[in-house]
């Protein structure tokens, strides 16, 4: 509370009177509001709180999980994350960086978990640990998520979950050899088929160009 000094009408006297300062209003910019919204959303992810996550979404929101596919509407979004958290019950999510704009927010994150729970995407739990880094690009309108495109290393997830062999392992080298062998076989079959077609076309062309194959004008 500030005091103002006033001079009294009587000579040689003055007085102090208290005055009340009006509190300053703190204006939150749209960028800051979007950043707060995104952080609140990822707080719910870190808690594995699906209902809390869905509160941040429009009913017809769309999630594009680039390595997996597209989820449409809060029902599909909720079902996916319930399955994910049930399969990875100890998952931990941390946000590394947030960059907010007028309509979109980019969130860089890290996730660690162990596949010890229920089946995920039809695969039984392997007990393997995963560690992922990713970026979500969230479109926000009227304080709700409209779309979210999530980029992360799908192969790292598959290796960590046990769906693919570890990188540079003997099993991975064997898998690559099998893939290369199948590719060479398909190429040989295709080349052989093309050669047969070319030979057939050449025979037909010689036949049609011979004396018996010519048509009188």
Protein backbone atom coordinates (compact mmCIF):
# COMPACT_ATOMS: atom_id res chain seq x y z
CA UNK A 1 0.00 0.00 0.00
CA UNK A 2 1.46 3.34 -1.02
CA UNK A 3 1.16 6.65 0.83
CA UNK A 4 0.64 10.06 -0.74
CA UNK A 5 1.78 13.23 0.95
CA UNK A 6 -0.67 16.17 0.91
CA UNK A 7 -0.25 19.71 2.12
CA UNK A 8 -2.84 20.84 4.65
CA UNK A 9 -4.69 24.10 4.17
CA UNK A 10 -3.19 25.23 7.45
CA UNK A 11 0.27 26.68 7.17
CA UNK A 12 3.11 24.42 8.22
CA UNK A 13 1.13 21.22 8.50
CA UNK A 14 0.88 18.26 6.19
CA UNK A 15 -0.59 14.76 6.34
CA UNK A 16 -0.18 11.39 4.74
CA UNK A 17 -3.09 9.46 3.32
CA UNK A 18 -3.00 5.80 2.29
CA UNK A 19 -3.93 4.98 -1.28
CA UNK A 20 -4.75 1.60 -2.78
CA UNK A 21 -2.95 0.50 -5.92
CA UNK A 22 -4.98 -1.53 -8.41
CA UNK A 23 -3.53 -5.00 -9.01
CA UNK A 24 -1.95 -5.44 -12.40
CA UNK A 25 -3.67 -7.87 -14.70
CA UNK A 26 -1.45 -10.59 -16.11
CA UNK A 27 -2.47 -11.23 -19.69
CA UNK A 28 -1.78 -14.76 -20.96
CA UNK A 29 -0.95 -14.84 -24.64
CA UNK A 30 -2.44 -17.45 -26.94
CA UNK A 31 0.97 -19.06 -27.33
CA UNK A 32 1.34 -19.39 -23.57
CA UNK A 33 -2.20 -20.75 -23.22
CA UNK A 34 -1.43 -23.37 -25.87
CA UNK A 35 1.82 -24.29 -24.13
CA UNK A 36 0.00 -24.69 -20.80
CA UNK A 37 -2.64 -26.84 -22.49
CA UNK A 38 -0.02 -29.11 -24.07
CA UNK A 39 1.90 -29.48 -20.81
CA UNK A 40 -1.33 -30.33 -19.00
CA UNK A 41 -2.09 -32.96 -21.64
CA UNK A 42 1.33 -34.57 -21.27
CA UNK A 43 1.00 -34.47 -17.49
CA UNK A 44 -2.05 -36.73 -17.96
CA UNK A 45 0.00 -38.98 -20.27
CA UNK A 46 2.72 -39.22 -17.61
CA UNK A 47 0.08 -40.21 -15.04
CA UNK A 48 -1.33 -42.79 -17.49
CA UNK A 49 -4.66 -41.03 -16.96
CA UNK A 50 -6.68 -41.73 -20.10
CA UNK A 51 -9.78 -39.87 -18.92
CA UNK A 52 -7.62 -36.87 -18.11
CA UNK A 53 -6.08 -37.05 -21.58
CA UNK A 54 -9.47 -37.20 -23.28
CA UNK A 55 -10.59 -34.04 -21.48
CA UNK A 56 -8.08 -32.21 -23.67
CA UNK A 57 -9.61 -33.51 -26.91
CA UNK A 58 -12.46 -32.53 -29.18
CA UNK A 59 -14.89 -35.41 -29.69
CA UNK A 60 -13.90 -35.79 -33.35
CA UNK A 61 -10.17 -35.33 -32.79
CA UNK A 62 -7.68 -37.30 -34.87
CA UNK A 63 -4.36 -38.86 -33.81
CA UNK A 64 -1.88 -39.87 -36.50
CA UNK A 65 0.60 -42.30 -34.94
CA UNK A 66 2.96 -42.35 -37.91
CA UNK A 67 4.47 -45.84 -37.30
CA UNK A 68 1.09 -47.42 -36.48
CA UNK A 69 -1.89 -45.65 -38.04
CA UNK A 70 -4.70 -43.15 -37.52
CA UNK A 71 -7.12 -42.98 -34.59
CA UNK A 72 -10.38 -41.10 -35.14
CA UNK A 73 -12.49 -39.75 -32.30
CA UNK A 74 -12.07 -39.95 -28.56
CA UNK A 75 -13.38 -43.52 -28.42
CA UNK A 76 -10.55 -44.87 -30.60
CA UNK A 77 -7.98 -42.62 -28.94
CA UNK A 78 -9.03 -43.75 -25.48
CA UNK A 79 -9.08 -47.44 -26.45
CA UNK A 80 -5.56 -47.27 -27.87
CA UNK A 81 -4.01 -45.58 -24.85
CA UNK A 82 -5.82 -47.87 -22.40
CA UNK A 83 -4.33 -50.84 -24.26
CA UNK A 84 -0.90 -49.17 -24.30
CA UNK A 85 -0.85 -48.39 -20.57
CA UNK A 86 -2.16 -51.85 -19.69
CA UNK A 87 0.63 -53.44 -21.73
CA UNK A 88 3.30 -51.09 -20.34
CA UNK A 89 2.08 -50.47 -16.76
CA UNK A 90 5.28 -48.79 -15.59
CA UNK A 91 5.66 -46.39 -18.52
CA UNK A 92 7.27 -43.05 -17.72
CA UNK A 93 6.88 -39.99 -19.93
CA UNK A 94 9.00 -36.85 -19.65
CA UNK A 95 8.74 -33.69 -21.74
CA UNK A 96 12.06 -32.35 -22.99
CA UNK A 97 10.92 -29.25 -24.85
CA UNK A 98 7.75 -27.38 -25.85
CA UNK A 99 7.47 -24.89 -28.71
CA UNK A 100 4.08 -23.19 -28.93
CA UNK A 101 2.55 -21.19 -31.76
CA UNK A 102 -0.79 -19.54 -32.36
CA UNK A 103 -2.55 -22.76 -33.35
CA UNK A 104 -0.02 -25.58 -32.95
CA UNK A 105 2.36 -26.88 -30.31
CA UNK A 106 5.40 -29.10 -30.85
CA UNK A 107 6.33 -31.31 -27.89
CA UNK A 108 9.56 -33.29 -27.71
CA UNK A 109 9.32 -36.22 -25.30
CA UNK A 110 11.02 -39.34 -23.96
CA UNK A 111 9.33 -42.54 -22.86
CA UNK A 112 10.67 -45.57 -21.00
CA UNK A 113 8.65 -48.68 -20.18
CA UNK A 114 8.73 -52.45 -19.83
CA UNK A 115 6.38 -54.74 -21.76
CA UNK A 116 5.13 -56.74 -18.76
CA UNK A 117 1.35 -56.25 -18.88
CA UNK A 118 -1.44 -57.37 -21.16
CA UNK A 119 -1.03 -58.08 -24.91
CA UNK A 120 -0.44 -55.09 -27.17
CA UNK A 121 -1.61 -55.05 -30.80
CA UNK A 122 -2.11 -58.83 -30.58
CA UNK A 123 1.37 -59.54 -29.18
CA UNK A 124 1.89 -61.17 -25.78
CA UNK A 125 4.08 -59.39 -23.23
CA UNK A 126 7.78 -60.09 -23.69
CA UNK A 127 9.13 -58.45 -20.53
CA UNK A 128 11.48 -56.36 -22.67
CA UNK A 129 12.29 -52.72 -21.94
CA UNK A 130 11.78 -49.91 -24.45
CA UNK A 131 13.17 -46.40 -24.63
CA UNK A 132 11.75 -43.96 -27.15
CA UNK A 133 12.20 -40.36 -28.21
CA UNK A 134 9.54 -38.61 -30.21
CA UNK A 135 7.83 -35.39 -31.22
CA UNK A 136 4.10 -34.64 -31.17
CA UNK A 137 2.69 -31.84 -33.32
CA UNK A 138 -0.65 -30.86 -31.77
CA UNK A 139 -3.21 -28.60 -33.43
CA UNK A 140 -5.35 -26.74 -30.87
CA UNK A 141 -8.61 -24.85 -31.34
CA UNK A 142 -10.81 -23.37 -28.63
CA UNK A 143 -8.64 -24.94 -25.94
CA UNK A 144 -8.98 -28.51 -27.27
CA UNK A 145 -6.79 -30.84 -29.30
CA UNK A 146 -8.01 -31.12 -32.89
CA UNK A 147 -5.23 -33.25 -34.35
CA UNK A 148 -2.00 -34.76 -33.11
CA UNK A 149 0.68 -36.18 -35.38
CA UNK A 150 3.16 -38.26 -33.39
CA UNK A 151 6.58 -39.06 -34.83
CA UNK A 152 8.81 -41.70 -33.22
CA UNK A 153 11.08 -44.58 -34.24
CA UNK A 154 8.75 -47.48 -34.91
CA UNK A 155 11.64 -49.94 -35.35
CA UNK A 156 13.11 -48.94 -31.98
CA UNK A 157 9.72 -49.60 -30.40
CA UNK A 158 9.44 -52.98 -32.14
CA UNK A 159 12.97 -53.99 -31.10
CA UNK A 160 12.42 -52.89 -27.52
CA UNK A 161 9.09 -54.71 -27.28
CA UNK A 162 10.61 -57.89 -28.71
CA UNK A 163 8.71 -57.75 -32.00
CA UNK A 164 12.01 -57.47 -33.90
CA UNK A 165 15.45 -58.83 -32.95
CA UNK A 166 17.99 -56.48 -31.31
CA UNK A 167 19.99 -54.28 -33.62
CA UNK A 168 23.22 -55.87 -35.00
CA UNK A 169 22.36 -59.20 -33.38
CA UNK A 170 22.80 -62.57 -35.06
CA UNK A 171 19.01 -62.87 -35.35
CA UNK A 172 18.81 -59.51 -37.14
CA UNK A 173 21.58 -60.52 -39.56
CA UNK A 174 19.76 -63.76 -40.29
CA UNK A 175 16.52 -61.85 -40.88
CA UNK A 176 18.27 -59.47 -43.28
CA UNK A 177 19.80 -62.40 -45.14
CA UNK A 178 16.37 -63.99 -45.50
CA UNK A 179 14.89 -60.74 -46.79
CA UNK A 180 17.74 -60.27 -49.26
CA UNK A 181 17.35 -63.86 -50.51
CA UNK A 182 13.61 -63.36 -51.03
CA UNK A 183 14.28 -60.09 -52.87
CA UNK A 184 16.81 -61.76 -55.20
CA UNK A 185 14.36 -64.60 -55.87
CA UNK A 186 11.56 -62.18 -56.76
CA UNK A 187 13.94 -60.27 -59.03
CA UNK A 188 15.02 -63.48 -60.78
CA UNK A 189 11.40 -64.54 -61.30
CA UNK A 190 10.51 -61.10 -62.66
CA UNK A 191 13.53 -61.03 -64.99
CA UNK A 192 12.71 -64.53 -66.24
CA UNK A 193 9.10 -63.61 -66.88
CA UNK A 194 10.16 -60.47 -68.76
CA UNK A 195 12.57 -62.52 -70.90
CA UNK A 196 9.81 -64.98 -71.81
CA UNK A 197 7.49 -62.15 -72.80
CA UNK A 198 10.20 -60.54 -74.95
CA UNK A 199 10.94 -63.86 -76.68
CA UNK A 200 7.25 -64.43 -77.36
CA UNK A 201 6.82 -60.93 -78.78
CA UNK A 202 9.84 -61.44 -81.05
CA UNK A 203 8.39 -64.69 -82.41
CA UNK A 204 5.03 -63.06 -83.09
CA UNK A 205 6.71 -60.14 -84.81
CA UNK A 206 8.75 -62.42 -87.12
CA UNK A 207 5.70 -64.44 -87.92
CA UNK A 208 3.61 -61.42 -88.79
CA UNK A 209 6.35 -59.91 -90.95
CA UNK A 210 6.92 -63.13 -93.01
CA UNK A 211 5.36 -63.80 -96.47
CA UNK A 212 2.51 -65.79 -95.03
CA UNK A 213 1.76 -63.25 -92.37
CA UNK A 214 1.48 -60.27 -94.67
CA UNK A 215 -1.96 -59.00 -95.46
CA UNK A 216 -2.69 -57.86 -98.99
CA UNK A 217 -3.57 -54.23 -99.31
